[in-house]
């Protein structure tokens, strides 16, 4: 089931999320809903707080087209960066909670990530390039951090004001 995506500014997007102690059927349904929501948006990553659930769960799939190979959806419970390279990459990042706004963000180029899969099995993998950027971006959401937090204050304020205006317009349309 597709879920509504929270738009910045929303206080839930600035909260630190609690670890998941139990991977229940409810968590598996949430992960499936998040993947459906992410693909429909369309996006390459989504964190649980973006759909209003303050739990440490993210979904990612950075395969953008069939030429890149088959889709590779990954759900990560309690993900954490275990190692990060000194070498960095700059990607123009966007966010489903901040539609139509993009900015260059510098992050480690390669990260080793540990997480639990939806069966509760511990996983570890090294990610590079867009995958590394996307996973770091989503893990930031679990810490209440947005890509805007990497920007200069003036640019951050400008985007926040535009988002407040967009939310007011959407609220008027809905009423």
Protein backbone atom coordinates (compact mmCIF):
# COMPACT_ATOMS: atom_id res chain seq x y z
CA UNK A 1 0.00 0.00 0.00
CA UNK A 2 1.34 3.37 -1.00
CA UNK A 3 1.75 5.68 2.00
CA UNK A 4 1.75 9.50 2.12
CA UNK A 5 5.23 11.02 2.34
CA UNK A 6 5.76 13.71 4.98
CA UNK A 7 6.93 17.05 3.61
CA UNK A 8 9.58 19.26 5.22
CA UNK A 9 9.19 21.09 7.53
CA UNK A 10 7.58 18.44 9.72
CA UNK A 11 8.84 17.88 13.28
CA UNK A 12 8.81 14.08 12.79
CA UNK A 13 11.55 14.44 10.15
CA UNK A 14 13.87 15.95 12.79
CA UNK A 15 13.49 13.17 15.37
CA UNK A 16 15.99 10.41 16.13
CA UNK A 17 14.36 7.04 15.45
CA UNK A 18 14.26 4.11 17.85
CA UNK A 19 15.92 0.81 16.93
CA UNK A 20 13.61 -2.06 16.05
CA UNK A 21 13.93 -4.87 18.62
CA UNK A 22 11.59 -7.22 16.80
CA UNK A 23 11.14 -7.78 13.09
CA UNK A 24 7.44 -8.56 13.03
CA UNK A 25 5.04 -9.05 10.14
CA UNK A 26 4.03 -5.42 10.75
CA UNK A 27 7.64 -4.34 10.02
CA UNK A 28 7.71 -6.49 6.85
CA UNK A 29 4.44 -4.89 5.66
CA UNK A 30 5.88 -1.44 6.41
CA UNK A 31 9.00 -2.28 4.34
CA UNK A 32 6.84 -3.49 1.42
CA UNK A 33 4.68 -0.35 1.65
CA UNK A 34 7.79 1.83 1.75
CA UNK A 35 9.21 0.17 -1.39
CA UNK A 36 5.90 0.64 -3.20
CA UNK A 37 5.81 4.29 -2.08
CA UNK A 38 9.46 4.86 -3.10
CA UNK A 39 9.01 3.35 -6.58
CA UNK A 40 5.78 5.30 -7.16
CA UNK A 41 7.32 8.64 -6.11
CA UNK A 42 9.77 7.81 -7.94
CA UNK A 43 12.86 7.66 -5.76
CA UNK A 44 15.87 5.49 -4.94
CA UNK A 45 15.54 5.50 -1.14
CA UNK A 46 13.02 6.06 1.62
CA UNK A 47 13.29 6.08 5.41
CA UNK A 48 10.49 5.12 7.82
CA UNK A 49 10.24 8.62 9.35
CA UNK A 50 9.34 9.95 5.90
CA UNK A 51 6.10 7.96 6.14
CA UNK A 52 5.57 8.99 9.77
CA UNK A 53 7.04 5.90 11.47
CA UNK A 54 9.87 6.74 13.88
CA UNK A 55 11.69 3.41 13.55
CA UNK A 56 15.14 2.54 12.19
CA UNK A 57 14.08 1.11 8.82
CA UNK A 58 15.15 2.20 5.35
CA UNK A 59 14.57 0.89 1.84
CA UNK A 60 16.81 1.52 -1.16
CA UNK A 61 17.10 0.51 -4.80
CA UNK A 62 19.56 2.50 -6.88
CA UNK A 63 18.97 0.52 -10.09
CA UNK A 64 17.32 3.27 -12.12
CA UNK A 65 16.65 1.48 -15.42
CA UNK A 66 16.60 -1.96 -16.99
CA UNK A 67 19.96 -1.21 -18.67
CA UNK A 68 21.48 -1.04 -15.16
CA UNK A 69 20.29 -4.59 -14.48
CA UNK A 70 17.40 -6.05 -12.50
CA UNK A 71 15.87 -4.08 -9.66
CA UNK A 72 17.66 -4.63 -6.34
CA UNK A 73 15.31 -3.58 -3.53
CA UNK A 74 16.96 -3.74 -0.11
CA UNK A 75 15.21 -3.24 3.23
CA UNK A 76 17.59 -2.45 6.09
CA UNK A 77 16.55 -2.74 9.72
CA UNK A 78 18.76 -0.82 12.18
CA UNK A 79 21.35 0.08 9.52
CA UNK A 80 24.66 1.59 10.54
CA UNK A 81 27.78 2.70 8.73
CA UNK A 82 30.60 0.49 10.00
CA UNK A 83 33.38 2.05 7.90
CA UNK A 84 33.61 5.02 5.56
CA UNK A 85 36.30 5.84 3.03
CA UNK A 86 38.41 8.98 3.27
CA UNK A 87 37.74 9.51 -0.43
CA UNK A 88 34.56 11.51 -1.04
CA UNK A 89 31.99 11.93 -3.78
CA UNK A 90 29.75 14.87 -4.56
CA UNK A 91 26.22 14.01 -5.68
CA UNK A 92 23.32 16.27 -6.41
CA UNK A 93 20.91 15.00 -3.79
CA UNK A 94 17.18 15.34 -3.62
CA UNK A 95 14.65 14.03 -1.15
CA UNK A 96 11.08 12.78 -1.48
CA UNK A 97 10.21 14.92 1.57
CA UNK A 98 11.64 18.01 -0.17
CA UNK A 99 10.32 17.62 -3.75
CA UNK A 100 11.87 19.57 -6.62
CA UNK A 101 14.85 20.81 -4.57
CA UNK A 102 18.37 19.54 -5.14
CA UNK A 103 21.83 20.41 -3.89
CA UNK A 104 25.37 19.06 -4.07
CA UNK A 105 26.32 17.12 -0.94
CA UNK A 106 29.76 15.67 -0.21
CA UNK A 107 29.85 12.27 1.49
CA UNK A 108 32.26 9.33 1.76
CA UNK A 109 32.53 7.55 -1.61
CA UNK A 110 32.50 4.04 -0.13
CA UNK A 111 30.80 2.80 3.04
CA UNK A 112 30.57 -0.57 4.73
CA UNK A 113 27.08 -0.95 6.18
CA UNK A 114 25.70 -3.43 8.69
CA UNK A 115 21.97 -4.13 9.12
CA UNK A 116 19.38 -6.82 9.75
CA UNK A 117 17.34 -8.09 6.82
CA UNK A 118 13.60 -8.73 7.14
CA UNK A 119 14.29 -12.28 8.40
CA UNK A 120 16.47 -10.90 11.21
CA UNK A 121 19.70 -12.10 9.57
CA UNK A 122 22.69 -9.81 10.15
CA UNK A 123 24.08 -8.46 6.86
CA UNK A 124 27.18 -6.49 5.92
CA UNK A 125 28.06 -5.05 2.54
CA UNK A 126 30.29 -2.43 1.02
CA UNK A 127 28.54 0.15 -1.14
CA UNK A 128 30.08 2.60 -3.60
CA UNK A 129 28.98 5.68 -5.53
CA UNK A 130 25.24 6.36 -5.72
CA UNK A 131 24.44 3.38 -3.48
CA UNK A 132 26.77 4.71 -0.76
CA UNK A 133 25.31 8.21 -1.05
CA UNK A 134 21.72 6.97 -0.97
CA UNK A 135 22.23 4.73 2.07
CA UNK A 136 24.02 7.50 3.99
CA UNK A 137 21.20 9.93 3.07
CA UNK A 138 18.57 7.47 4.37
CA UNK A 139 20.50 6.66 7.56
CA UNK A 140 20.70 10.44 8.15
CA UNK A 141 16.88 10.48 8.17
CA UNK A 142 16.96 7.99 11.07
CA UNK A 143 19.07 10.54 12.99
CA UNK A 144 16.66 13.41 12.22
CA UNK A 145 19.04 14.89 9.66
CA UNK A 146 18.09 16.11 6.18
CA UNK A 147 20.36 16.81 3.22
CA UNK A 148 19.48 20.47 3.84
CA UNK A 149 21.54 20.29 7.03
CA UNK A 150 24.68 20.05 4.84
CA UNK A 151 23.87 23.33 3.09
CA UNK A 152 24.71 26.90 3.96
CA UNK A 153 22.09 28.54 6.22
CA UNK A 154 20.82 30.95 3.54
CA UNK A 155 20.14 28.19 1.00
CA UNK A 156 18.59 26.00 3.72
CA UNK A 157 16.25 28.84 4.79
CA UNK A 158 15.27 29.59 1.18
CA UNK A 159 14.30 25.96 0.51
CA UNK A 160 12.45 25.71 3.84
CA UNK A 161 10.41 28.84 3.01
CA UNK A 162 9.51 27.39 -0.42
CA UNK A 163 8.47 24.12 1.24
CA UNK A 164 6.29 25.97 3.78
CA UNK A 165 4.57 27.72 0.89
CA UNK A 166 4.08 24.41 -0.95
CA UNK A 167 2.53 22.84 2.18
CA UNK A 168 0.14 25.82 2.55
CA UNK A 169 -0.91 25.47 -1.11
CA UNK A 170 -1.49 21.71 -0.71
CA UNK A 171 -3.54 22.33 2.45
CA UNK A 172 -5.71 24.87 0.58
CA UNK A 173 -6.23 22.42 -2.31
CA UNK A 174 -7.25 19.68 0.13
CA UNK A 175 -9.87 21.84 1.87
